[in-house]
């Protein structure tokens, strides 16, 4: 293997508060392994009209993608995704969790700012 293939890429674990940097690193790794399509499309849409061998290959690749994503999530964050079956479900769930967390933080900040203005 050449030097490029041997290089390891380190992506920080998703810890609930670093979604933007985690997403950037994870997408780069998934793209490098030709797995990014599994966080953008369902397996069904990718396999539609394909022959059996291609479907089997894509199914195997989807499992690899799911494992790669899970390996880059901190243990205390796995609770949010443990019932998700596919990479796209996991990815979309984390995006929603982060959006909700950001909305809560924004609301708390706005309430604190409002309280300060009143005083």
C-alpha atoms as a PDB file:
ATOM      1  CA  UNK A   1       0.000   0.000   0.000  1.00  0.00           C
ATOM      2  CA  UNK A   2       1.174   3.491  -0.699  1.00  0.00           C
ATOM      3  CA  UNK A   3       1.741   6.088   1.992  1.00  0.00           C
ATOM      4  CA  UNK A   4      -1.625   7.780   1.423  1.00  0.00           C
ATOM      5  CA  UNK A   5      -3.526   4.523   1.987  1.00  0.00           C
ATOM      6  CA  UNK A   6      -1.660   3.862   5.232  1.00  0.00           C
ATOM      7  CA  UNK A   7      -2.435   7.274   6.718  1.00  0.00           C
ATOM      8  CA  UNK A   8      -4.894   7.252   9.560  1.00  0.00           C
ATOM      9  CA  UNK A   9      -7.360  10.085   9.871  1.00  0.00           C
ATOM     10  CA  UNK A  10      -8.396  11.061  13.354  1.00  0.00           C
ATOM     11  CA  UNK A  11     -11.832  12.490  13.805  1.00  0.00           C
ATOM     12  CA  UNK A  12     -12.877  13.665  17.223  1.00  0.00           C
ATOM     13  CA  UNK A  13     -15.697  11.742  18.855  1.00  0.00           C
ATOM     14  CA  UNK A  14     -19.078  13.434  18.715  1.00  0.00           C
ATOM     15  CA  UNK A  15     -19.670  14.561  22.301  1.00  0.00           C
ATOM     16  CA  UNK A  16     -22.913  16.468  21.924  1.00  0.00           C
ATOM     17  CA  UNK A  17     -21.349  19.906  21.570  1.00  0.00           C
ATOM     18  CA  UNK A  18     -18.895  19.596  18.679  1.00  0.00           C
ATOM     19  CA  UNK A  19     -21.206  18.664  15.817  1.00  0.00           C
ATOM     20  CA  UNK A  20     -19.812  21.098  13.265  1.00  0.00           C
ATOM     21  CA  UNK A  21     -16.180  19.954  13.511  1.00  0.00           C
ATOM     22  CA  UNK A  22     -17.202  16.296  13.951  1.00  0.00           C
ATOM     23  CA  UNK A  23     -19.417  16.486  10.852  1.00  0.00           C
ATOM     24  CA  UNK A  24     -16.607  18.018   8.794  1.00  0.00           C
ATOM     25  CA  UNK A  25     -14.113  15.302   9.741  1.00  0.00           C
ATOM     26  CA  UNK A  26     -16.564  12.424   9.489  1.00  0.00           C
ATOM     27  CA  UNK A  27     -17.815  13.475   6.065  1.00  0.00           C
ATOM     28  CA  UNK A  28     -14.224  13.667   4.805  1.00  0.00           C
ATOM     29  CA  UNK A  29     -13.521  10.117   5.978  1.00  0.00           C
ATOM     30  CA  UNK A  30     -16.790   8.750   4.611  1.00  0.00           C
ATOM     31  CA  UNK A  31     -16.113  10.494   1.298  1.00  0.00           C
ATOM     32  CA  UNK A  32     -12.611   9.006   1.152  1.00  0.00           C
ATOM     33  CA  UNK A  33     -14.100   5.510   1.592  1.00  0.00           C
ATOM     34  CA  UNK A  34     -16.926   6.215  -0.900  1.00  0.00           C
ATOM     35  CA  UNK A  35     -19.481   5.886   1.914  1.00  0.00           C
ATOM     36  CA  UNK A  36     -20.804   9.440   2.128  1.00  0.00           C
ATOM     37  CA  UNK A  37     -23.777   8.522  -0.050  1.00  0.00           C
ATOM     38  CA  UNK A  38     -25.196   6.506   2.877  1.00  0.00           C
ATOM     39  CA  UNK A  39     -25.716   9.632   5.013  1.00  0.00           C
ATOM     40  CA  UNK A  40     -27.328  11.407   2.067  1.00  0.00           C
ATOM     41  CA  UNK A  41     -29.611   8.656   0.701  1.00  0.00           C
ATOM     42  CA  UNK A  42     -31.450   5.604   1.956  1.00  0.00           C
ATOM     43  CA  UNK A  43     -30.172   2.188   0.944  1.00  0.00           C
ATOM     44  CA  UNK A  44     -33.464   1.591  -0.861  1.00  0.00           C
ATOM     45  CA  UNK A  45     -32.957   4.577  -3.128  1.00  0.00           C
ATOM     46  CA  UNK A  46     -29.357   3.541  -3.835  1.00  0.00           C
ATOM     47  CA  UNK A  47     -30.248  -0.073  -4.680  1.00  0.00           C
ATOM     48  CA  UNK A  48     -33.391   0.590  -6.698  1.00  0.00           C
ATOM     49  CA  UNK A  49     -33.166  -1.182 -10.044  1.00  0.00           C
ATOM     50  CA  UNK A  50     -29.721  -2.623  -9.305  1.00  0.00           C
ATOM     51  CA  UNK A  51     -28.659  -6.254  -9.777  1.00  0.00           C
ATOM     52  CA  UNK A  52     -28.285  -8.642  -6.819  1.00  0.00           C
ATOM     53  CA  UNK A  53     -24.504  -8.376  -6.662  1.00  0.00           C
ATOM     54  CA  UNK A  54     -24.648  -4.563  -6.541  1.00  0.00           C
ATOM     55  CA  UNK A  55     -27.353  -4.658  -3.858  1.00  0.00           C
ATOM     56  CA  UNK A  56     -25.231  -7.025  -1.744  1.00  0.00           C
ATOM     57  CA  UNK A  57     -22.181  -4.810  -2.211  1.00  0.00           C
ATOM     58  CA  UNK A  58     -24.097  -1.657  -1.250  1.00  0.00           C
ATOM     59  CA  UNK A  59     -25.658  -3.393   1.773  1.00  0.00           C
ATOM     60  CA  UNK A  60     -22.214  -4.414   2.999  1.00  0.00           C
ATOM     61  CA  UNK A  61     -20.874  -0.893   2.424  1.00  0.00           C
ATOM     62  CA  UNK A  62     -23.828   0.596   4.328  1.00  0.00           C
ATOM     63  CA  UNK A  63     -22.992  -1.593   7.341  1.00  0.00           C
ATOM     64  CA  UNK A  64     -19.382  -0.391   7.162  1.00  0.00           C
ATOM     65  CA  UNK A  65     -20.592   3.218   7.066  1.00  0.00           C
ATOM     66  CA  UNK A  66     -22.819   2.669  10.116  1.00  0.00           C
ATOM     67  CA  UNK A  67     -19.922   1.135  12.049  1.00  0.00           C
ATOM     68  CA  UNK A  68     -17.627   4.028  11.113  1.00  0.00           C
ATOM     69  CA  UNK A  69     -20.168   6.571  12.333  1.00  0.00           C
ATOM     70  CA  UNK A  70     -20.794   4.722  15.609  1.00  0.00           C
ATOM     71  CA  UNK A  71     -17.039   4.448  16.195  1.00  0.00           C
ATOM     72  CA  UNK A  72     -16.874   8.251  16.084  1.00  0.00           C
ATOM     73  CA  UNK A  73     -19.588   8.888  18.678  1.00  0.00           C
ATOM     74  CA  UNK A  74     -18.836   9.186  22.387  1.00  0.00           C
ATOM     75  CA  UNK A  75     -20.405   6.487  24.561  1.00  0.00           C
ATOM     76  CA  UNK A  76     -22.664   8.940  26.396  1.00  0.00           C
ATOM     77  CA  UNK A  77     -24.181  10.048  23.073  1.00  0.00           C
ATOM     78  CA  UNK A  78     -25.048   6.544  21.838  1.00  0.00           C
ATOM     79  CA  UNK A  79     -28.327   6.655  23.776  1.00  0.00           C
ATOM     80  CA  UNK A  80     -29.739   9.029  21.152  1.00  0.00           C
ATOM     81  CA  UNK A  81     -29.107   6.671  18.242  1.00  0.00           C
ATOM     82  CA  UNK A  82     -29.296   3.149  19.653  1.00  0.00           C
ATOM     83  CA  UNK A  83     -32.667   2.468  18.004  1.00  0.00           C
ATOM     84  CA  UNK A  84     -31.551   3.750  14.589  1.00  0.00           C
ATOM     85  CA  UNK A  85     -30.862   1.152  11.911  1.00  0.00           C
ATOM     86  CA  UNK A  86     -29.181   3.046   9.096  1.00  0.00           C
ATOM     87  CA  UNK A  87     -26.392   5.613   8.701  1.00  0.00           C
ATOM     88  CA  UNK A  88     -28.813   8.244   7.385  1.00  0.00           C
ATOM     89  CA  UNK A  89     -31.137   7.724  10.390  1.00  0.00           C
ATOM     90  CA  UNK A  90     -28.204   8.067  12.794  1.00  0.00           C
ATOM     91  CA  UNK A  91     -26.858  11.152  11.053  1.00  0.00           C
ATOM     92  CA  UNK A  92     -30.247  12.860  10.797  1.00  0.00           C
ATOM     93  CA  UNK A  93     -30.997  12.092  14.464  1.00  0.00           C
ATOM     94  CA  UNK A  94     -27.751  13.697  15.597  1.00  0.00           C
ATOM     95  CA  UNK A  95     -28.445  16.760  13.438  1.00  0.00           C
ATOM     96  CA  UNK A  96     -31.887  17.144  15.052  1.00  0.00           C
ATOM     97  CA  UNK A  97     -30.491  16.648  18.579  1.00  0.00           C
ATOM     98  CA  UNK A  98     -27.868  19.323  17.962  1.00  0.00           C
ATOM     99  CA  UNK A  99     -30.434  21.714  16.478  1.00  0.00           C
ATOM    100  CA  UNK A 100     -32.712  21.233  19.506  1.00  0.00           C
ATOM    101  CA  UNK A 101     -29.782  21.725  21.892  1.00  0.00           C
ATOM    102  CA  UNK A 102     -28.773  24.911  20.068  1.00  0.00           C
ATOM    103  CA  UNK A 103     -32.351  26.197  20.231  1.00  0.00           C
ATOM    104  CA  UNK A 104     -32.472  25.545  23.983  1.00  0.00           C
ATOM    105  CA  UNK A 105     -29.142  27.321  24.503  1.00  0.00           C
ATOM    106  CA  UNK A 106     -30.291  30.240  22.356  1.00  0.00           C
ATOM    107  CA  UNK A 107     -33.550  30.520  24.309  1.00  0.00           C
ATOM    108  CA  UNK A 108     -31.708  30.437  27.647  1.00  0.00           C
ATOM    109  CA  UNK A 109     -29.295  33.108  26.392  1.00  0.00           C
ATOM    110  CA  UNK A 110     -32.176  35.284  25.188  1.00  0.00           C
ATOM    111  CA  UNK A 111     -33.973  34.882  28.531  1.00  0.00           C
ATOM    112  CA  UNK A 112     -30.811  35.849  30.443  1.00  0.00           C
ATOM    113  CA  UNK A 113     -30.258  38.846  28.156  1.00  0.00           C
ATOM    114  CA  UNK A 114     -33.883  39.910  28.594  1.00  0.00           C
ATOM    115  CA  UNK A 115     -33.609  39.542  32.375  1.00  0.00           C
ATOM    116  CA  UNK A 116     -30.484  41.726  32.406  1.00  0.00           C
ATOM    117  CA  UNK A 117     -32.221  44.413  30.317  1.00  0.00           C
ATOM    118  CA  UNK A 118     -35.180  44.492  32.708  1.00  0.00           C
ATOM    119  CA  UNK A 119     -32.968  45.034  35.739  1.00  0.00           C
END
